[in-house]
């Protein structure tokens, strides 16, 4: 398979590039930085550049992982450009979205629940989903959660920075997510690129945890005591984001071969 992975210098995209190459696929990864080793430069905000690259590569499948949390044009417009080019060249598309599209509630969200974003990043991801579904109806849209696995993860870095006093702040005791292994997520994305699933699919770990509980697991992996991981309530802070966002994984368990492991197994010491 000829595979194109946007955002190949990112945590998930980089792991997918390595996994797919190890499986024998012809993989091109992109990065916004022209200096990224082993990757080709691509600014997904530049529609003409996206078109040129897909015309040149003619990939069998594209996995779109590129985003910038504070940049609407990368996250939303970039997704539109990639989706349009993939549709035009007949390439399968797997688009990576986020549980940030939801506003939060105690009950798990199913794939049928429409997005209800409450902050700009969630709105950008929801807009990206909308345009991908319209422009490339055969695409798989993967909503995922906090991505963990090793210390290259932003979640690991944040927890360790707080626990070791390298920065000030707290991990929220009232924000619930479903952390997913980067290796499991990469395996799912490759599985979907090789398959024919279309529509939205929730892909996350099976165990809901607060951000503080996740931080304690990460700290324990480094022999750091739980009481050194600072705790606080997101509800006490302005613009802290949604509180409880759980994803129903019933469909994922039905259609995927890849097992989604709980975070205590992924982060076992």
C-alpha atoms as a PDB file:
ATOM      1  CA  UNK A   1       0.000   0.000   0.000  1.00  0.00           C
ATOM      2  CA  UNK A   2       1.148   3.530  -0.781  1.00  0.00           C
ATOM      3  CA  UNK A   3       0.324   5.504   2.354  1.00  0.00           C
ATOM      4  CA  UNK A   4       0.522   9.232   3.036  1.00  0.00           C
ATOM      5  CA  UNK A   5       0.563  10.361   6.674  1.00  0.00           C
ATOM      6  CA  UNK A   6       0.164  14.073   7.329  1.00  0.00           C
ATOM      7  CA  UNK A   7       1.655  15.283  10.592  1.00  0.00           C
ATOM      8  CA  UNK A   8       4.369  12.648  10.467  1.00  0.00           C
ATOM      9  CA  UNK A   9       6.510  14.570  12.948  1.00  0.00           C
ATOM     10  CA  UNK A  10       3.757  14.449  15.574  1.00  0.00           C
ATOM     11  CA  UNK A  11       3.355  11.849  18.297  1.00  0.00           C
ATOM     12  CA  UNK A  12       0.621   9.790  16.638  1.00  0.00           C
ATOM     13  CA  UNK A  13       1.690  10.443  13.054  1.00  0.00           C
ATOM     14  CA  UNK A  14       5.296   9.503  13.764  1.00  0.00           C
ATOM     15  CA  UNK A  15       4.293   6.257  15.432  1.00  0.00           C
ATOM     16  CA  UNK A  16       2.030   5.414  12.480  1.00  0.00           C
ATOM     17  CA  UNK A  17       4.805   6.104   9.953  1.00  0.00           C
ATOM     18  CA  UNK A  18       7.136   3.726  11.812  1.00  0.00           C
ATOM     19  CA  UNK A  19       4.484   1.040  12.211  1.00  0.00           C
ATOM     20  CA  UNK A  20       3.421   1.128   8.561  1.00  0.00           C
ATOM     21  CA  UNK A  21       6.998   1.036   7.277  1.00  0.00           C
ATOM     22  CA  UNK A  22       7.791  -1.915   9.545  1.00  0.00           C
ATOM     23  CA  UNK A  23       4.774  -3.690   8.018  1.00  0.00           C
ATOM     24  CA  UNK A  24       6.272  -3.244   4.541  1.00  0.00           C
ATOM     25  CA  UNK A  25       4.134  -0.388   3.236  1.00  0.00           C
ATOM     26  CA  UNK A  26       5.427   2.441   1.041  1.00  0.00           C
ATOM     27  CA  UNK A  27       4.964   5.372   3.423  1.00  0.00           C
ATOM     28  CA  UNK A  28       5.417   9.099   2.956  1.00  0.00           C
ATOM     29  CA  UNK A  29       5.146  11.232   6.069  1.00  0.00           C
ATOM     30  CA  UNK A  30       4.798  15.007   6.003  1.00  0.00           C
ATOM     31  CA  UNK A  31       5.822  17.748   8.377  1.00  0.00           C
ATOM     32  CA  UNK A  32       5.342  21.500   8.406  1.00  0.00           C
ATOM     33  CA  UNK A  33       9.095  21.730   8.998  1.00  0.00           C
ATOM     34  CA  UNK A  34      11.234  21.155   5.908  1.00  0.00           C
ATOM     35  CA  UNK A  35      14.058  20.044   8.215  1.00  0.00           C
ATOM     36  CA  UNK A  36      12.220  17.057   9.700  1.00  0.00           C
ATOM     37  CA  UNK A  37      14.348  13.988   8.975  1.00  0.00           C
ATOM     38  CA  UNK A  38      12.798  11.410   6.661  1.00  0.00           C
ATOM     39  CA  UNK A  39       9.683  13.501   6.028  1.00  0.00           C
ATOM     40  CA  UNK A  40       8.568  15.797   3.222  1.00  0.00           C
ATOM     41  CA  UNK A  41       7.540  19.387   3.930  1.00  0.00           C
ATOM     42  CA  UNK A  42       3.849  20.239   3.633  1.00  0.00           C
ATOM     43  CA  UNK A  43       1.776  23.147   4.890  1.00  0.00           C
ATOM     44  CA  UNK A  44      -1.773  21.797   4.875  1.00  0.00           C
ATOM     45  CA  UNK A  45      -3.088  25.371   4.864  1.00  0.00           C
ATOM     46  CA  UNK A  46      -1.766  25.633   1.279  1.00  0.00           C
ATOM     47  CA  UNK A  47      -4.359  23.902  -0.862  1.00  0.00           C
ATOM     48  CA  UNK A  48      -2.210  24.030  -3.990  1.00  0.00           C
ATOM     49  CA  UNK A  49       0.671  22.367  -2.154  1.00  0.00           C
ATOM     50  CA  UNK A  50      -1.619  19.622  -0.883  1.00  0.00           C
ATOM     51  CA  UNK A  51      -2.944  19.052  -4.397  1.00  0.00           C
ATOM     52  CA  UNK A  52       0.557  18.867  -5.868  1.00  0.00           C
ATOM     53  CA  UNK A  53       1.734  16.313  -3.324  1.00  0.00           C
ATOM     54  CA  UNK A  54      -1.246  13.990  -3.806  1.00  0.00           C
ATOM     55  CA  UNK A  55      -0.989  14.311  -7.582  1.00  0.00           C
ATOM     56  CA  UNK A  56       2.656  13.301  -7.325  1.00  0.00           C
ATOM     57  CA  UNK A  57       2.227  10.419  -4.867  1.00  0.00           C
ATOM     58  CA  UNK A  58      -1.204   9.086  -5.823  1.00  0.00           C
ATOM     59  CA  UNK A  59      -1.453   7.269  -2.476  1.00  0.00           C
ATOM     60  CA  UNK A  60      -3.824   4.395  -1.925  1.00  0.00           C
ATOM     61  CA  UNK A  61      -4.698   5.884   1.456  1.00  0.00           C
ATOM     62  CA  UNK A  62      -4.160   9.099   3.418  1.00  0.00           C
ATOM     63  CA  UNK A  63      -4.191   9.297   7.198  1.00  0.00           C
ATOM     64  CA  UNK A  64      -4.620  12.905   8.271  1.00  0.00           C
ATOM     65  CA  UNK A  65      -3.171  13.504  11.739  1.00  0.00           C
ATOM     66  CA  UNK A  66      -1.912  17.091  11.298  1.00  0.00           C
ATOM     67  CA  UNK A  67      -3.383  19.783  13.533  1.00  0.00           C
ATOM     68  CA  UNK A  68      -2.351  22.767  15.647  1.00  0.00           C
ATOM     69  CA  UNK A  69      -4.513  23.294  18.684  1.00  0.00           C
ATOM     70  CA  UNK A  70      -4.534  27.082  18.488  1.00  0.00           C
ATOM     71  CA  UNK A  71      -4.718  27.411  14.691  1.00  0.00           C
ATOM     72  CA  UNK A  72      -8.121  27.109  13.041  1.00  0.00           C
ATOM     73  CA  UNK A  73      -6.638  27.151   9.549  1.00  0.00           C
ATOM     74  CA  UNK A  74      -4.356  24.180  10.173  1.00  0.00           C
ATOM     75  CA  UNK A  75      -6.980  22.150  12.015  1.00  0.00           C
ATOM     76  CA  UNK A  76     -10.108  22.943   9.995  1.00  0.00           C
ATOM     77  CA  UNK A  77      -8.995  24.382   6.644  1.00  0.00           C
ATOM     78  CA  UNK A  78      -6.113  21.912   6.417  1.00  0.00           C
ATOM     79  CA  UNK A  79      -8.510  19.017   6.875  1.00  0.00           C
ATOM     80  CA  UNK A  80     -10.686  20.408   4.081  1.00  0.00           C
ATOM     81  CA  UNK A  81      -7.728  20.629   1.703  1.00  0.00           C
ATOM     82  CA  UNK A  82      -6.550  17.101   2.455  1.00  0.00           C
ATOM     83  CA  UNK A  83     -10.062  15.656   2.154  1.00  0.00           C
ATOM     84  CA  UNK A  84     -10.704  17.370  -1.183  1.00  0.00           C
ATOM     85  CA  UNK A  85      -7.383  16.202  -2.633  1.00  0.00           C
ATOM     86  CA  UNK A  86      -7.893  12.640  -1.391  1.00  0.00           C
ATOM     87  CA  UNK A  87     -11.376  12.525  -2.889  1.00  0.00           C
ATOM     88  CA  UNK A  88     -10.139  13.901  -6.214  1.00  0.00           C
ATOM     89  CA  UNK A  89      -7.298  11.379  -6.477  1.00  0.00           C
ATOM     90  CA  UNK A  90      -9.417   8.432  -5.328  1.00  0.00           C
ATOM     91  CA  UNK A  91      -7.397   7.915  -2.150  1.00  0.00           C
ATOM     92  CA  UNK A  92      -8.950   6.357   0.924  1.00  0.00           C
ATOM     93  CA  UNK A  93      -9.021   8.828   3.831  1.00  0.00           C
ATOM     94  CA  UNK A  94      -8.730   8.267   7.568  1.00  0.00           C
ATOM     95  CA  UNK A  95      -9.190  11.528   9.453  1.00  0.00           C
ATOM     96  CA  UNK A  96      -8.138  11.848  13.104  1.00  0.00           C
ATOM     97  CA  UNK A  97     -10.542  13.879  15.225  1.00  0.00           C
ATOM     98  CA  UNK A  98     -10.934  14.329  18.976  1.00  0.00           C
ATOM     99  CA  UNK A  99     -13.304  14.000  21.904  1.00  0.00           C
ATOM    100  CA  UNK A 100     -12.867  17.785  22.124  1.00  0.00           C
ATOM    101  CA  UNK A 101     -15.852  18.058  19.762  1.00  0.00           C
ATOM    102  CA  UNK A 102     -18.115  17.317  22.756  1.00  0.00           C
ATOM    103  CA  UNK A 103     -19.217  19.656  25.519  1.00  0.00           C
ATOM    104  CA  UNK A 104     -19.219  17.074  28.302  1.00  0.00           C
ATOM    105  CA  UNK A 105     -21.811  15.038  30.221  1.00  0.00           C
ATOM    106  CA  UNK A 106     -21.780  12.011  32.556  1.00  0.00           C
ATOM    107  CA  UNK A 107     -23.198   9.617  29.920  1.00  0.00           C
ATOM    108  CA  UNK A 108     -20.907   8.232  27.199  1.00  0.00           C
ATOM    109  CA  UNK A 109     -21.215   9.742  23.735  1.00  0.00           C
ATOM    110  CA  UNK A 110     -21.963   7.437  20.825  1.00  0.00           C
ATOM    111  CA  UNK A 111     -20.967   8.090  17.241  1.00  0.00           C
ATOM    112  CA  UNK A 112     -24.530   9.257  16.566  1.00  0.00           C
ATOM    113  CA  UNK A 113     -24.271  12.125  19.065  1.00  0.00           C
ATOM    114  CA  UNK A 114     -23.624  15.359  17.148  1.00  0.00           C
ATOM    115  CA  UNK A 115     -20.661  17.537  18.105  1.00  0.00           C
ATOM    116  CA  UNK A 116     -21.317  20.140  20.810  1.00  0.00           C
ATOM    117  CA  UNK A 117     -18.004  21.989  21.198  1.00  0.00           C
ATOM    118  CA  UNK A 118     -17.565  24.550  23.950  1.00  0.00           C
ATOM    119  CA  UNK A 119     -14.092  25.926  23.152  1.00  0.00           C
ATOM    120  CA  UNK A 120     -12.211  26.925  19.973  1.00  0.00           C
ATOM    121  CA  UNK A 121     -10.160  23.775  19.462  1.00  0.00           C
ATOM    122  CA  UNK A 122     -13.258  21.602  19.746  1.00  0.00           C
ATOM    123  CA  UNK A 123     -15.051  23.864  17.282  1.00  0.00           C
ATOM    124  CA  UNK A 124     -12.166  23.556  14.805  1.00  0.00           C
ATOM    125  CA  UNK A 125     -12.196  19.774  15.106  1.00  0.00           C
ATOM    126  CA  UNK A 126     -15.987  19.702  14.654  1.00  0.00           C
ATOM    127  CA  UNK A 127     -15.699  21.889  11.557  1.00  0.00           C
ATOM    128  CA  UNK A 128     -13.024  19.558  10.191  1.00  0.00           C
ATOM    129  CA  UNK A 129     -15.295  16.543  10.705  1.00  0.00           C
ATOM    130  CA  UNK A 130     -18.140  18.292   8.898  1.00  0.00           C
ATOM    131  CA  UNK A 131     -16.113  19.166   5.823  1.00  0.00           C
ATOM    132  CA  UNK A 132     -14.436  15.740   5.659  1.00  0.00           C
ATOM    133  CA  UNK A 133     -17.812  13.971   5.741  1.00  0.00           C
ATOM    134  CA  UNK A 134     -19.188  16.235   3.006  1.00  0.00           C
ATOM    135  CA  UNK A 135     -16.169  16.275   0.690  1.00  0.00           C
ATOM    136  CA  UNK A 136     -15.073  12.640   1.142  1.00  0.00           C
ATOM    137  CA  UNK A 137     -18.151  10.580   2.152  1.00  0.00           C
ATOM    138  CA  UNK A 138     -16.131   7.356   2.185  1.00  0.00           C
ATOM    139  CA  UNK A 139     -13.729   8.616   4.840  1.00  0.00           C
ATOM    140  CA  UNK A 140     -13.275   7.112   8.289  1.00  0.00           C
ATOM    141  CA  UNK A 141     -13.396   9.790  11.009  1.00  0.00           C
ATOM    142  CA  UNK A 142     -11.689   8.674  14.207  1.00  0.00           C
ATOM    143  CA  UNK A 143     -12.589  10.478  17.431  1.00  0.00           C
ATOM    144  CA  UNK A 144      -9.975   9.770  20.055  1.00  0.00           C
ATOM    145  CA  UNK A 145      -8.971  10.993  23.512  1.00  0.00           C
ATOM    146  CA  UNK A 146      -5.783  11.738  25.500  1.00  0.00           C
ATOM    147  CA  UNK A 147      -2.860   9.917  23.866  1.00  0.00           C
ATOM    148  CA  UNK A 148      -0.304   8.228  26.138  1.00  0.00           C
ATOM    149  CA  UNK A 149       2.410   5.603  25.999  1.00  0.00           C
ATOM    150  CA  UNK A 150       5.846   7.069  26.698  1.00  0.00           C
ATOM    151  CA  UNK A 151       7.462  10.344  27.649  1.00  0.00           C
ATOM    152  CA  UNK A 152       7.079  11.772  24.144  1.00  0.00           C
ATOM    153  CA  UNK A 153       3.376  12.184  24.980  1.00  0.00           C
ATOM    154  CA  UNK A 154       2.224  15.681  25.935  1.00  0.00           C
ATOM    155  CA  UNK A 155       0.233  14.077  28.751  1.00  0.00           C
ATOM    156  CA  UNK A 156       3.380  12.476  30.180  1.00  0.00           C
ATOM    157  CA  UNK A 157       5.371  15.684  29.864  1.00  0.00           C
ATOM    158  CA  UNK A 158       2.703  17.723  31.627  1.00  0.00           C
ATOM    159  CA  UNK A 159       2.286  15.290  34.527  1.00  0.00           C
ATOM    160  CA  UNK A 160       6.038  14.993  35.080  1.00  0.00           C
ATOM    161  CA  UNK A 161       6.586  18.752  34.852  1.00  0.00           C
ATOM    162  CA  UNK A 162       3.992  19.326  37.559  1.00  0.00           C
ATOM    163  CA  UNK A 163       5.166  16.465  39.793  1.00  0.00           C
ATOM    164  CA  UNK A 164       8.816  17.503  39.573  1.00  0.00           C
ATOM    165  CA  UNK A 165       8.136  21.203  40.067  1.00  0.00           C
ATOM    166  CA  UNK A 166       9.339  22.201  36.602  1.00  0.00           C
ATOM    167  CA  UNK A 167       6.159  24.218  36.097  1.00  0.00           C
ATOM    168  CA  UNK A 168       3.264  25.324  38.253  1.00  0.00           C
ATOM    169  CA  UNK A 169      -0.292  24.138  37.895  1.00  0.00           C
ATOM    170  CA  UNK A 170      -2.598  21.253  38.734  1.00  0.00           C
ATOM    171  CA  UNK A 171      -4.094  18.184  37.111  1.00  0.00           C
ATOM    172  CA  UNK A 172      -7.856  18.245  37.309  1.00  0.00           C
ATOM    173  CA  UNK A 173      -9.727  15.841  39.549  1.00  0.00           C
ATOM    174  CA  UNK A 174     -13.060  16.603  37.852  1.00  0.00           C
ATOM    175  CA  UNK A 175     -12.111  16.210  34.163  1.00  0.00           C
ATOM    176  CA  UNK A 176     -12.690  12.673  32.892  1.00  0.00           C
ATOM    177  CA  UNK A 177     -11.268  11.295  29.642  1.00  0.00           C
ATOM    178  CA  UNK A 178     -10.386   7.859  28.222  1.00  0.00           C
ATOM    179  CA  UNK A 179      -6.618   7.778  27.613  1.00  0.00           C
ATOM    180  CA  UNK A 180      -5.522   5.655  24.662  1.00  0.00           C
ATOM    181  CA  UNK A 181      -2.163   4.075  23.874  1.00  0.00           C
ATOM    182  CA  UNK A 182      -0.362   5.740  20.978  1.00  0.00           C
ATOM    183  CA  UNK A 183       0.618   2.285  19.720  1.00  0.00           C
ATOM    184  CA  UNK A 184      -2.988   1.061  19.842  1.00  0.00           C
ATOM    185  CA  UNK A 185      -4.192   4.202  18.066  1.00  0.00           C
ATOM    186  CA  UNK A 186      -1.533   3.878  15.364  1.00  0.00           C
ATOM    187  CA  UNK A 187      -2.491   0.225  14.843  1.00  0.00           C
ATOM    188  CA  UNK A 188      -6.159   1.226  14.481  1.00  0.00           C
ATOM    189  CA  UNK A 189      -5.328   3.941  11.953  1.00  0.00           C
ATOM    190  CA  UNK A 190      -3.336   1.483   9.851  1.00  0.00           C
ATOM    191  CA  UNK A 191      -6.110  -1.092  10.133  1.00  0.00           C
ATOM    192  CA  UNK A 192      -8.658   1.461   8.948  1.00  0.00           C
ATOM    193  CA  UNK A 193      -6.400   2.651   6.099  1.00  0.00           C
ATOM    194  CA  UNK A 194      -6.294  -0.935   4.841  1.00  0.00           C
ATOM    195  CA  UNK A 195     -10.024  -1.474   5.317  1.00  0.00           C
ATOM    196  CA  UNK A 196     -13.276  -0.005   4.088  1.00  0.00           C
ATOM    197  CA  UNK A 197     -14.998   1.339   7.209  1.00  0.00           C
ATOM    198  CA  UNK A 198     -16.675   4.679   6.577  1.00  0.00           C
ATOM    199  CA  UNK A 199     -18.167   7.190   8.982  1.00  0.00           C
ATOM    200  CA  UNK A 200     -17.371   8.133  12.569  1.00  0.00           C
ATOM    201  CA  UNK A 201     -15.643   5.721  14.947  1.00  0.00           C
ATOM    202  CA  UNK A 202     -14.763   6.289  18.603  1.00  0.00           C
ATOM    203  CA  UNK A 203     -11.283   4.982  19.412  1.00  0.00           C
ATOM    204  CA  UNK A 204     -10.122   5.413  23.024  1.00  0.00           C
ATOM    205  CA  UNK A 205      -9.007   3.450  26.014  1.00  0.00           C
ATOM    206  CA  UNK A 206     -11.735   1.469  27.786  1.00  0.00           C
ATOM    207  CA  UNK A 207     -11.166   3.035  31.219  1.00  0.00           C
ATOM    208  CA  UNK A 208     -12.347   6.566  32.100  1.00  0.00           C
ATOM    209  CA  UNK A 209      -9.851   8.416  34.302  1.00  0.00           C
ATOM    210  CA  UNK A 210      -9.560  11.922  35.655  1.00  0.00           C
ATOM    211  CA  UNK A 211      -6.577  13.881  34.439  1.00  0.00           C
ATOM    212  CA  UNK A 212      -5.154  13.634  37.961  1.00  0.00           C
ATOM    213  CA  UNK A 213      -5.578   9.851  38.071  1.00  0.00           C
ATOM    214  CA  UNK A 214      -3.748   9.626  34.756  1.00  0.00           C
ATOM    215  CA  UNK A 215      -0.987  11.843  36.128  1.00  0.00           C
ATOM    216  CA  UNK A 216      -0.581   9.562  39.138  1.00  0.00           C
ATOM    217  CA  UNK A 217      -0.170   6.545  36.820  1.00  0.00           C
ATOM    218  CA  UNK A 218       2.437   8.395  34.774  1.00  0.00           C
ATOM    219  CA  UNK A 219       4.302   9.504  37.902  1.00  0.00           C
ATOM    220  CA  UNK A 220       4.294   5.958  39.321  1.00  0.00           C
ATOM    221  CA  UNK A 221       6.022   4.764  36.163  1.00  0.00           C
ATOM    222  CA  UNK A 222       8.930   7.010  37.171  1.00  0.00           C
ATOM    223  CA  UNK A 223       8.848   6.117  40.859  1.00  0.00           C
ATOM    224  CA  UNK A 224       7.273   9.439  41.826  1.00  0.00           C
ATOM    225  CA  UNK A 225       4.862   9.402  44.777  1.00  0.00           C
ATOM    226  CA  UNK A 226       1.207  10.164  44.101  1.00  0.00           C
ATOM    227  CA  UNK A 227       1.153  13.000  46.655  1.00  0.00           C
ATOM    228  CA  UNK A 228       3.660  14.925  44.525  1.00  0.00           C
ATOM    229  CA  UNK A 229       1.173  15.169  41.651  1.00  0.00           C
ATOM    230  CA  UNK A 230      -0.704  18.443  42.238  1.00  0.00           C
ATOM    231  CA  UNK A 231      -4.501  18.207  42.145  1.00  0.00           C
ATOM    232  CA  UNK A 232      -7.195  20.796  41.531  1.00  0.00           C
ATOM    233  CA  UNK A 233     -10.647  21.336  40.081  1.00  0.00           C
ATOM    234  CA  UNK A 234     -11.123  22.486  36.530  1.00  0.00           C
ATOM    235  CA  UNK A 235     -14.546  23.821  37.475  1.00  0.00           C
ATOM    236  CA  UNK A 236     -12.794  26.453  39.604  1.00  0.00           C
ATOM    237  CA  UNK A 237     -10.894  27.865  36.626  1.00  0.00           C
ATOM    238  CA  UNK A 238     -12.182  29.851  33.643  1.00  0.00           C
ATOM    239  CA  UNK A 239     -12.011  28.175  30.234  1.00  0.00           C
ATOM    240  CA  UNK A 240     -10.799  24.857  31.637  1.00  0.00           C
ATOM    241  CA  UNK A 241     -12.707  22.905  28.999  1.00  0.00           C
ATOM    242  CA  UNK A 242     -15.351  20.179  29.265  1.00  0.00           C
ATOM    243  CA  UNK A 243     -15.487  18.142  32.452  1.00  0.00           C
ATOM    244  CA  UNK A 244     -16.676  14.587  31.692  1.00  0.00           C
ATOM    245  CA  UNK A 245     -16.233  13.310  28.134  1.00  0.00           C
ATOM    246  CA  UNK A 246     -16.655   9.551  27.784  1.00  0.00           C
ATOM    247  CA  UNK A 247     -16.739   7.756  24.431  1.00  0.00           C
ATOM    248  CA  UNK A 248     -18.896   4.695  23.836  1.00  0.00           C
ATOM    249  CA  UNK A 249     -16.640   2.014  22.309  1.00  0.00           C
ATOM    250  CA  UNK A 250     -19.333  -0.493  21.305  1.00  0.00           C
ATOM    251  CA  UNK A 251     -18.842   0.075  17.582  1.00  0.00           C
ATOM    252  CA  UNK A 252     -15.043  -0.053  17.849  1.00  0.00           C
ATOM    253  CA  UNK A 253     -15.228  -3.429  19.594  1.00  0.00           C
ATOM    254  CA  UNK A 254     -17.413  -4.675  16.746  1.00  0.00           C
ATOM    255  CA  UNK A 255     -15.415  -3.491  13.733  1.00  0.00           C
ATOM    256  CA  UNK A 256     -11.781  -3.467  14.894  1.00  0.00           C
ATOM    257  CA  UNK A 257      -9.295  -6.304  15.326  1.00  0.00           C
ATOM    258  CA  UNK A 258      -6.935  -4.090  17.328  1.00  0.00           C
ATOM    259  CA  UNK A 259      -7.390  -4.368  21.093  1.00  0.00           C
ATOM    260  CA  UNK A 260      -7.674  -1.049  22.930  1.00  0.00           C
ATOM    261  CA  UNK A 261      -5.820  -1.511  26.211  1.00  0.00           C
ATOM    262  CA  UNK A 262      -6.627   0.192  29.527  1.00  0.00           C
ATOM    263  CA  UNK A 263      -4.141   2.846  30.686  1.00  0.00           C
ATOM    264  CA  UNK A 264      -2.968   0.882  33.732  1.00  0.00           C
ATOM    265  CA  UNK A 265      -1.801  -1.850  31.353  1.00  0.00           C
ATOM    266  CA  UNK A 266      -0.238   0.617  28.912  1.00  0.00           C
ATOM    267  CA  UNK A 267       1.578   2.450  31.716  1.00  0.00           C
ATOM    268  CA  UNK A 268       2.500  -0.583  33.793  1.00  0.00           C
ATOM    269  CA  UNK A 269       5.777  -0.011  35.613  1.00  0.00           C
END
